[in-house]
Amino acid sequence: MREELPKNVDVVVEQQADKLLRDQKNTRRGAVSRAWVITWYSLALVSLCLWLLKLLGYITL
């Protein structure tokens, strides 16, 4: 009867990290530019402000 050894966690983590680095489609969180994050948050804030103004009746569309 053959018994398999459990997977080594360190090896699995290393293989997953290598796979992420080789695959260019995946972007790590640290690689996203600050300008993009600031732009995204600014657009979200503007949309919330416009929604609130419409809700309060200051603007009509």
PDB file of N, CA and C in Angstrom:
ATOM      1  N   MET A   1       0.843  -1.172   0.000  1.00  0.00           N
ATOM      2  CA  MET A   1       0.000   0.000   0.000  1.00  0.00           C
ATOM      3  C   MET A   1       0.891   1.241   0.000  1.00  0.00           C
ATOM      4  N   ARG A   2       0.535   2.196  -0.827  1.00  0.00           N
ATOM      5  CA  ARG A   2       1.361   3.397  -0.969  1.00  0.00           C
ATOM      6  C   ARG A   2       0.710   4.563  -0.235  1.00  0.00           C
ATOM      7  N   GLU A   3       1.505   5.281   0.538  1.00  0.00           N
ATOM      8  CA  GLU A   3       0.971   6.403   1.313  1.00  0.00           C
ATOM      9  C   GLU A   3       1.570   7.699   0.780  1.00  0.00           C
ATOM     10  N   GLU A   4       0.701   8.684   0.521  1.00  0.00           N
ATOM     11  CA  GLU A   4       1.192   9.963   0.018  1.00  0.00           C
ATOM     12  C   GLU A   4       1.562  10.870   1.169  1.00  0.00           C
ATOM     13  N   LEU A   5       2.612  11.651   0.948  1.00  0.00           N
ATOM     14  CA  LEU A   5       3.028  12.621   1.949  1.00  0.00           C
ATOM     15  C   LEU A   5       2.145  13.861   1.845  1.00  0.00           C
ATOM     16  N   PRO A   6       1.896  14.549   2.961  1.00  0.00           N
ATOM     17  CA  PRO A   6       1.112  15.787   2.887  1.00  0.00           C
ATOM     18  C   PRO A   6       1.899  16.864   2.137  1.00  0.00           C
ATOM     19  N   LYS A   7       1.160  17.788   1.539  1.00  0.00           N
ATOM     20  CA  LYS A   7       1.802  18.854   0.783  1.00  0.00           C
ATOM     21  C   LYS A   7       2.560  19.782   1.721  1.00  0.00           C
ATOM     22  N   ASN A   8       3.726  20.199   1.281  1.00  0.00           N
ATOM     23  CA  ASN A   8       4.517  21.144   2.045  1.00  0.00           C
ATOM     24  C   ASN A   8       3.963  22.544   1.783  1.00  0.00           C
ATOM     25  N   VAL A   9       3.537  23.229   2.820  1.00  0.00           N
ATOM     26  CA  VAL A   9       2.883  24.527   2.680  1.00  0.00           C
ATOM     27  C   VAL A   9       3.831  25.554   2.065  1.00  0.00           C
ATOM     28  N   ASP A  10       5.092  25.526   2.444  1.00  0.00           N
ATOM     29  CA  ASP A  10       6.056  26.491   1.920  1.00  0.00           C
ATOM     30  C   ASP A  10       6.230  26.331   0.409  1.00  0.00           C
ATOM     31  N   VAL A  11       6.265  25.087  -0.048  1.00  0.00           N
ATOM     32  CA  VAL A  11       6.437  24.832  -1.477  1.00  0.00           C
ATOM     33  C   VAL A  11       5.202  25.299  -2.237  1.00  0.00           C
ATOM     34  N   VAL A  12       4.020  25.039  -1.688  1.00  0.00           N
ATOM     35  CA  VAL A  12       2.782  25.451  -2.353  1.00  0.00           C
ATOM     36  C   VAL A  12       2.715  26.970  -2.462  1.00  0.00           C
ATOM     37  N   VAL A  13       3.054  27.686  -1.388  1.00  0.00           N
ATOM     38  CA  VAL A  13       3.026  29.149  -1.398  1.00  0.00           C
ATOM     39  C   VAL A  13       4.025  29.686  -2.419  1.00  0.00           C
ATOM     40  N   GLU A  14       5.191  29.088  -2.468  1.00  0.00           N
ATOM     41  CA  GLU A  14       6.212  29.524  -3.425  1.00  0.00           C
ATOM     42  C   GLU A  14       5.756  29.297  -4.872  1.00  0.00           C
ATOM     43  N   GLN A  15       5.127  28.157  -5.128  1.00  0.00           N
ATOM     44  CA  GLN A  15       4.633  27.871  -6.479  1.00  0.00           C
ATOM     45  C   GLN A  15       3.531  28.843  -6.885  1.00  0.00           C
ATOM     46  N   GLN A  16       2.642  29.166  -5.953  1.00  0.00           N
ATOM     47  CA  GLN A  16       1.572  30.112  -6.262  1.00  0.00           C
ATOM     48  C   GLN A  16       2.126  31.504  -6.535  1.00  0.00           C
ATOM     49  N   ALA A  17       3.129  31.930  -5.768  1.00  0.00           N
ATOM     50  CA  ALA A  17       3.742  33.238  -5.988  1.00  0.00           C
ATOM     51  C   ALA A  17       4.432  33.292  -7.346  1.00  0.00           C
ATOM     52  N   ASP A  18       5.127  32.209  -7.712  1.00  0.00           N
ATOM     53  CA  ASP A  18       5.774  32.157  -9.018  1.00  0.00           C
ATOM     54  C   ASP A  18       4.753  32.219 -10.146  1.00  0.00           C
ATOM     55  N   LYS A  19       3.625  31.533  -9.958  1.00  0.00           N
ATOM     56  CA  LYS A  19       2.584  31.545 -10.976  1.00  0.00           C
ATOM     57  C   LYS A  19       2.012  32.946 -11.151  1.00  0.00           C
ATOM     58  N   LEU A  20       1.814  33.667 -10.043  1.00  0.00           N
ATOM     59  CA  LEU A  20       1.313  35.035 -10.131  1.00  0.00           C
ATOM     60  C   LEU A  20       2.293  35.958 -10.834  1.00  0.00           C
ATOM     61  N   LEU A  21       3.567  35.788 -10.556  1.00  0.00           N
ATOM     62  CA  LEU A  21       4.574  36.644 -11.188  1.00  0.00           C
ATOM     63  C   LEU A  21       4.693  36.359 -12.683  1.00  0.00           C
ATOM     64  N   ARG A  22       4.517  35.102 -13.091  1.00  0.00           N
ATOM     65  CA  ARG A  22       4.620  34.762 -14.502  1.00  0.00           C
ATOM     66  C   ARG A  22       3.397  35.234 -15.290  1.00  0.00           C
ATOM     67  N   ASP A  23       2.242  35.219 -14.664  1.00  0.00           N
ATOM     68  CA  ASP A  23       1.010  35.596 -15.354  1.00  0.00           C
ATOM     69  C   ASP A  23       0.858  37.108 -15.287  1.00  0.00           C
ATOM     70  N   GLN A  24       0.934  37.777 -16.434  1.00  0.00           N
ATOM     71  CA  GLN A  24       0.893  39.238 -16.473  1.00  0.00           C
ATOM     72  C   GLN A  24      -0.518  39.795 -16.350  1.00  0.00           C
ATOM     73  N   LYS A  25      -1.553  38.950 -16.457  1.00  0.00           N
ATOM     74  CA  LYS A  25      -2.923  39.432 -16.358  1.00  0.00           C
ATOM     75  C   LYS A  25      -3.263  39.853 -14.936  1.00  0.00           C
ATOM     76  N   ASN A  26      -2.687  39.166 -13.961  1.00  0.00           N
ATOM     77  CA  ASN A  26      -2.960  39.485 -12.563  1.00  0.00           C
ATOM     78  C   ASN A  26      -2.067  40.617 -12.097  1.00  0.00           C
ATOM     79  N   THR A  27      -2.663  41.631 -11.491  1.00  0.00           N
ATOM     80  CA  THR A  27      -1.906  42.762 -10.972  1.00  0.00           C
ATOM     81  C   THR A  27      -1.987  42.730  -9.460  1.00  0.00           C
ATOM     82  N   ARG A  28      -0.862  42.775  -8.853  1.00  0.00           N
ATOM     83  CA  ARG A  28      -0.870  42.803  -7.400  1.00  0.00           C
ATOM     84  C   ARG A  28      -1.370  44.147  -6.908  1.00  0.00           C
ATOM     85  N   ARG A  29      -1.885  44.173  -5.692  1.00  0.00           N
ATOM     86  CA  ARG A  29      -2.434  45.416  -5.155  1.00  0.00           C
ATOM     87  C   ARG A  29      -1.372  46.502  -5.049  1.00  0.00           C
ATOM     88  N   GLY A  30      -0.153  46.123  -4.759  1.00  0.00           N
ATOM     89  CA  GLY A  30       0.912  47.096  -4.632  1.00  0.00           C
ATOM     90  C   GLY A  30       1.334  47.701  -5.957  1.00  0.00           C
ATOM     91  N   ALA A  31       0.972  47.068  -7.060  1.00  0.00           N
ATOM     92  CA  ALA A  31       1.386  47.548  -8.369  1.00  0.00           C
ATOM     93  C   ALA A  31       0.408  48.562  -8.957  1.00  0.00           C
ATOM     94  N   VAL A  32      -0.734  48.779  -8.323  1.00  0.00           N
ATOM     95  CA  VAL A  32      -1.711  49.746  -8.814  1.00  0.00           C
ATOM     96  C   VAL A  32      -1.230  51.140  -8.425  1.00  0.00           C
ATOM     97  N   SER A  33      -1.246  52.057  -9.379  1.00  0.00           N
ATOM     98  CA  SER A  33      -0.712  53.390  -9.111  1.00  0.00           C
ATOM     99  C   SER A  33      -1.636  54.177  -8.169  1.00  0.00           C
ATOM    100  N   ARG A  34      -1.046  55.066  -7.434  1.00  0.00           N
ATOM    101  CA  ARG A  34      -1.816  55.897  -6.497  1.00  0.00           C
ATOM    102  C   ARG A  34      -2.786  56.794  -7.231  1.00  0.00           C
ATOM    103  N   ALA A  35      -2.390  57.265  -8.399  1.00  0.00           N
ATOM    104  CA  ALA A  35      -3.251  58.160  -9.179  1.00  0.00           C
ATOM    105  C   ALA A  35      -4.559  57.462  -9.543  1.00  0.00           C
ATOM    106  N   TRP A  36      -4.482  56.179  -9.929  1.00  0.00           N
ATOM    107  CA  TRP A  36      -5.687  55.435 -10.280  1.00  0.00           C
ATOM    108  C   TRP A  36      -6.606  55.283  -9.067  1.00  0.00           C
ATOM    109  N   VAL A  37      -6.038  55.006  -7.899  1.00  0.00           N
ATOM    110  CA  VAL A  37      -6.846  54.845  -6.683  1.00  0.00           C
ATOM    111  C   VAL A  37      -7.501  56.165  -6.306  1.00  0.00           C
ATOM    112  N   ILE A  38      -6.756  57.260  -6.374  1.00  0.00           N
ATOM    113  CA  ILE A  38      -7.306  58.575  -6.044  1.00  0.00           C
ATOM    114  C   ILE A  38      -8.407  58.946  -7.031  1.00  0.00           C
ATOM    115  N   THR A  39      -8.198  58.657  -8.318  1.00  0.00           N
ATOM    116  CA  THR A  39      -9.226  58.934  -9.322  1.00  0.00           C
ATOM    117  C   THR A  39     -10.487  58.135  -9.043  1.00  0.00           C
ATOM    118  N   TRP A  40     -10.332  56.862  -8.728  1.00  0.00           N
ATOM    119  CA  TRP A  40     -11.485  56.001  -8.461  1.00  0.00           C
ATOM    120  C   TRP A  40     -12.283  56.510  -7.266  1.00  0.00           C
ATOM    121  N   TYR A  41     -11.582  56.833  -6.170  1.00  0.00           N
ATOM    122  CA  TYR A  41     -12.267  57.352  -4.980  1.00  0.00           C
ATOM    123  C   TYR A  41     -12.922  58.703  -5.248  1.00  0.00           C
ATOM    124  N   SER A  42     -12.275  59.554  -6.038  1.00  0.00           N
ATOM    125  CA  SER A  42     -12.851  60.864  -6.363  1.00  0.00           C
ATOM    126  C   SER A  42     -14.132  60.709  -7.172  1.00  0.00           C
ATOM    127  N   LEU A  43     -14.118  59.815  -8.155  1.00  0.00           N
ATOM    128  CA  LEU A  43     -15.326  59.569  -8.941  1.00  0.00           C
ATOM    129  C   LEU A  43     -16.448  58.994  -8.082  1.00  0.00           C
ATOM    130  N   ALA A  44     -16.106  58.121  -7.159  1.00  0.00           N
ATOM    131  CA  ALA A  44     -17.122  57.570  -6.257  1.00  0.00           C
ATOM    132  C   ALA A  44     -17.708  58.664  -5.371  1.00  0.00           C
ATOM    133  N   LEU A  45     -16.874  59.570  -4.877  1.00  0.00           N
ATOM    134  CA  LEU A  45     -17.348  60.662  -4.031  1.00  0.00           C
ATOM    135  C   LEU A  45     -18.245  61.613  -4.814  1.00  0.00           C
ATOM    136  N   VAL A  46     -17.860  61.944  -6.048  1.00  0.00           N
ATOM    137  CA  VAL A  46     -18.673  62.822  -6.886  1.00  0.00           C
ATOM    138  C   VAL A  46     -20.029  62.182  -7.171  1.00  0.00           C
ATOM    139  N   SER A  47     -20.048  60.889  -7.471  1.00  0.00           N
ATOM    140  CA  SER A  47     -21.313  60.227  -7.757  1.00  0.00           C
ATOM    141  C   SER A  47     -22.210  60.188  -6.525  1.00  0.00           C
ATOM    142  N   LEU A  48     -21.636  59.979  -5.357  1.00  0.00           N
ATOM    143  CA  LEU A  48     -22.441  60.003  -4.133  1.00  0.00           C
ATOM    144  C   LEU A  48     -22.997  61.400  -3.861  1.00  0.00           C
ATOM    145  N   CYS A  49     -22.205  62.427  -4.110  1.00  0.00           N
ATOM    146  CA  CYS A  49     -22.681  63.799  -3.910  1.00  0.00           C
ATOM    147  C   CYS A  49     -23.816  64.130  -4.876  1.00  0.00           C
ATOM    148  N   LEU A  50     -23.667  63.728  -6.143  1.00  0.00           N
ATOM    149  CA  LEU A  50     -24.732  63.971  -7.116  1.00  0.00           C
ATOM    150  C   LEU A  50     -26.009  63.216  -6.740  1.00  0.00           C
ATOM    151  N   TRP A  51     -25.859  61.983  -6.277  1.00  0.00           N
ATOM    152  CA  TRP A  51     -27.020  61.202  -5.853  1.00  0.00           C
ATOM    153  C   TRP A  51     -27.731  61.874  -4.678  1.00  0.00           C
ATOM    154  N   LEU A  52     -26.950  62.386  -3.721  1.00  0.00           N
ATOM    155  CA  LEU A  52     -27.536  63.058  -2.563  1.00  0.00           C
ATOM    156  C   LEU A  52     -28.247  64.345  -2.972  1.00  0.00           C
ATOM    157  N   LEU A  53     -27.648  65.115  -3.880  1.00  0.00           N
ATOM    158  CA  LEU A  53     -28.292  66.332  -4.355  1.00  0.00           C
ATOM    159  C   LEU A  53     -29.590  66.023  -5.094  1.00  0.00           C
ATOM    160  N   LYS A  54     -29.592  64.947  -5.862  1.00  0.00           N
ATOM    161  CA  LYS A  54     -30.818  64.552  -6.549  1.00  0.00           C
ATOM    162  C   LYS A  54     -31.864  64.072  -5.541  1.00  0.00           C
ATOM    163  N   LEU A  55     -31.434  63.350  -4.540  1.00  0.00           N
ATOM    164  CA  LEU A  55     -32.343  62.851  -3.509  1.00  0.00           C
ATOM    165  C   LEU A  55     -32.981  64.007  -2.734  1.00  0.00           C
ATOM    166  N   LEU A  56     -32.220  65.055  -2.487  1.00  0.00           N
ATOM    167  CA  LEU A  56     -32.739  66.212  -1.745  1.00  0.00           C
ATOM    168  C   LEU A  56     -33.519  67.164  -2.646  1.00  0.00           C
ATOM    169  N   GLY A  57     -33.463  66.973  -3.943  1.00  0.00           N
ATOM    170  CA  GLY A  57     -34.258  67.778  -4.861  1.00  0.00           C
ATOM    171  C   GLY A  57     -33.560  69.016  -5.369  1.00  0.00           C
ATOM    172  N   TYR A  58     -32.263  69.133  -5.174  1.00  0.00           N
ATOM    173  CA  TYR A  58     -31.528  70.304  -5.664  1.00  0.00           C
ATOM    174  C   TYR A  58     -31.291  70.230  -7.171  1.00  0.00           C
ATOM    175  N   ILE A  59     -31.160  69.017  -7.709  1.00  0.00           N
ATOM    176  CA  ILE A  59     -30.996  68.865  -9.149  1.00  0.00           C
ATOM    177  C   ILE A  59     -32.065  67.902  -9.654  1.00  0.00           C
ATOM    178  N   THR A  60     -32.526  68.167 -10.878  1.00  0.00           N
ATOM    179  CA  THR A  60     -33.493  67.265 -11.495  1.00  0.00           C
ATOM    180  C   THR A  60     -32.958  66.842 -12.847  1.00  0.00           C
ATOM    181  N   LEU A  61     -33.076  65.582 -13.116  1.00  0.00           N
ATOM    182  CA  LEU A  61     -32.589  65.062 -14.393  1.00  0.00           C
ATOM    183  C   LEU A  61     -33.725  64.475 -15.193  1.00  0.00           C
TER     184      LEU A  61
END
